[in-house]
Amino acid sequence: MKLKEARVGVGIGREKAARLAGIDRAGLYKIETGKRVPGIEVATRIARVLAVKLSDIDEFAPALAKAESAGLVVNEEA
């Protein structure tokens, strides 16, 4: 699913989601619109805020693939 869809689905505005994830609102907007690819740490923080798995969010696929190819063990639980 798309990041914006997940965020709206849990009823959290962009400003609050960004603040809880420790990023700025503009950064979250860029991730939602595909203008920026988050690193695994940022993706994980956003996923925790939204209580979803990393693999559930389309925009997190590149970060997840990069982390796994680097041999990192990724905990997908929110």
C-alpha atoms as a PDB file:
ATOM      1  CA  MET A   1       0.000   0.000   0.000  1.00  0.00           C
ATOM      2  CA  LYS A   2       1.041   3.579  -0.447  1.00  0.00           C
ATOM      3  CA  LEU A   3       2.483   5.484   2.517  1.00  0.00           C
ATOM      4  CA  LYS A   4      -0.093   8.268   2.323  1.00  0.00           C
ATOM      5  CA  GLU A   5      -2.890   5.696   2.222  1.00  0.00           C
ATOM      6  CA  ALA A   6      -1.537   4.023   5.368  1.00  0.00           C
ATOM      7  CA  ARG A   7      -1.117   7.352   7.164  1.00  0.00           C
ATOM      8  CA  VAL A   8      -4.604   8.563   6.294  1.00  0.00           C
ATOM      9  CA  GLY A   9      -5.997   5.146   7.169  1.00  0.00           C
ATOM     10  CA  VAL A  10      -4.837   5.446  10.762  1.00  0.00           C
ATOM     11  CA  GLY A  11      -6.046   9.034  10.965  1.00  0.00           C
ATOM     12  CA  ILE A  12      -2.717  10.771  11.434  1.00  0.00           C
ATOM     13  CA  GLY A  13      -1.934  14.020   9.643  1.00  0.00           C
ATOM     14  CA  ARG A  14       1.369  14.522   7.838  1.00  0.00           C
ATOM     15  CA  GLU A  15       2.624  17.024  10.430  1.00  0.00           C
ATOM     16  CA  LYS A  16       1.989  14.705  13.386  1.00  0.00           C
ATOM     17  CA  ALA A  17       3.326  11.605  11.621  1.00  0.00           C
ATOM     18  CA  ALA A  18       6.515  13.435  10.674  1.00  0.00           C
ATOM     19  CA  ARG A  19       7.004  14.792  14.189  1.00  0.00           C
ATOM     20  CA  LEU A  20       6.484  11.367  15.776  1.00  0.00           C
ATOM     21  CA  ALA A  21       8.936   9.802  13.294  1.00  0.00           C
ATOM     22  CA  GLY A  22      11.534  12.506  13.960  1.00  0.00           C
ATOM     23  CA  ILE A  23      11.564  13.997  10.456  1.00  0.00           C
ATOM     24  CA  ASP A  24      10.185  17.192   8.992  1.00  0.00           C
ATOM     25  CA  ARG A  25       6.826  17.463   7.256  1.00  0.00           C
ATOM     26  CA  ALA A  26       8.446  18.305   3.919  1.00  0.00           C
ATOM     27  CA  GLY A  27      10.596  15.182   4.133  1.00  0.00           C
ATOM     28  CA  LEU A  28       7.566  12.993   4.723  1.00  0.00           C
ATOM     29  CA  TYR A  29       5.785  14.662   1.820  1.00  0.00           C
ATOM     30  CA  LYS A  30       8.758  13.927  -0.451  1.00  0.00           C
ATOM     31  CA  ILE A  31       8.729  10.272   0.589  1.00  0.00           C
ATOM     32  CA  GLU A  32       4.965  10.042   0.024  1.00  0.00           C
ATOM     33  CA  THR A  33       5.278  11.547  -3.460  1.00  0.00           C
ATOM     34  CA  GLY A  34       8.271   9.447  -4.497  1.00  0.00           C
ATOM     35  CA  LYS A  35      10.675  12.380  -4.652  1.00  0.00           C
ATOM     36  CA  ARG A  36      12.816  10.904  -1.886  1.00  0.00           C
ATOM     37  CA  VAL A  37      13.642   7.339  -0.885  1.00  0.00           C
ATOM     38  CA  PRO A  38      14.032   6.923   2.871  1.00  0.00           C
ATOM     39  CA  GLY A  39      16.838   5.015   4.478  1.00  0.00           C
ATOM     40  CA  ILE A  40      16.009   1.967   6.551  1.00  0.00           C
ATOM     41  CA  GLU A  41      16.141   3.909   9.837  1.00  0.00           C
ATOM     42  CA  VAL A  42      13.664   6.565   8.726  1.00  0.00           C
ATOM     43  CA  ALA A  43      11.427   3.962   7.090  1.00  0.00           C
ATOM     44  CA  THR A  44      11.425   1.957  10.321  1.00  0.00           C
ATOM     45  CA  ARG A  45      10.495   4.997  12.416  1.00  0.00           C
ATOM     46  CA  ILE A  46       7.624   5.886  10.077  1.00  0.00           C
ATOM     47  CA  ALA A  47       6.390   2.282  10.038  1.00  0.00           C
ATOM     48  CA  ARG A  48       6.363   2.234  13.838  1.00  0.00           C
ATOM     49  CA  VAL A  49       4.360   5.461  13.976  1.00  0.00           C
ATOM     50  CA  LEU A  50       1.802   3.970  11.592  1.00  0.00           C
ATOM     51  CA  ALA A  51       1.930   0.499  13.219  1.00  0.00           C
ATOM     52  CA  VAL A  52       2.623  -1.266   9.896  1.00  0.00           C
ATOM     53  CA  LYS A  53       5.320  -3.604   8.626  1.00  0.00           C
ATOM     54  CA  LEU A  54       8.041  -2.150   6.414  1.00  0.00           C
ATOM     55  CA  SER A  55       7.071  -4.534   3.645  1.00  0.00           C
ATOM     56  CA  ASP A  56       3.483  -3.229   3.706  1.00  0.00           C
ATOM     57  CA  ILE A  57       4.545   0.195   2.373  1.00  0.00           C
ATOM     58  CA  ASP A  58       5.470   0.451  -1.301  1.00  0.00           C
ATOM     59  CA  GLU A  59       7.832   3.403  -0.803  1.00  0.00           C
ATOM     60  CA  PHE A  60       9.918   1.416   1.699  1.00  0.00           C
ATOM     61  CA  ALA A  61      10.758  -1.435  -0.695  1.00  0.00           C
ATOM     62  CA  PRO A  62      14.075   0.094  -1.889  1.00  0.00           C
ATOM     63  CA  ALA A  63      15.269   0.700   1.691  1.00  0.00           C
ATOM     64  CA  LEU A  64      14.286  -2.790   2.740  1.00  0.00           C
ATOM     65  CA  ALA A  65      15.986  -4.387  -0.261  1.00  0.00           C
ATOM     66  CA  LYS A  66      19.170  -2.376   0.279  1.00  0.00           C
ATOM     67  CA  ALA A  67      19.313  -3.300   3.965  1.00  0.00           C
ATOM     68  CA  GLU A  68      18.737  -6.982   3.249  1.00  0.00           C
ATOM     69  CA  SER A  69      21.347  -7.040   0.466  1.00  0.00           C
ATOM     70  CA  ALA A  70      23.811  -5.517   2.937  1.00  0.00           C
ATOM     71  CA  GLY A  71      23.146  -8.456   5.232  1.00  0.00           C
ATOM     72  CA  LEU A  72      21.224  -6.494   7.826  1.00  0.00           C
ATOM     73  CA  VAL A  73      18.542  -8.271   9.784  1.00  0.00           C
ATOM     74  CA  VAL A  74      15.450  -6.099   9.650  1.00  0.00           C
ATOM     75  CA  ASN A  75      12.787  -6.387  12.309  1.00  0.00           C
ATOM     76  CA  GLU A  76       9.521  -5.578  10.582  1.00  0.00           C
ATOM     77  CA  GLU A  77       7.345  -5.536  13.668  1.00  0.00           C
ATOM     78  CA  ALA A  78       5.887  -2.158  14.531  1.00  0.00           C
END
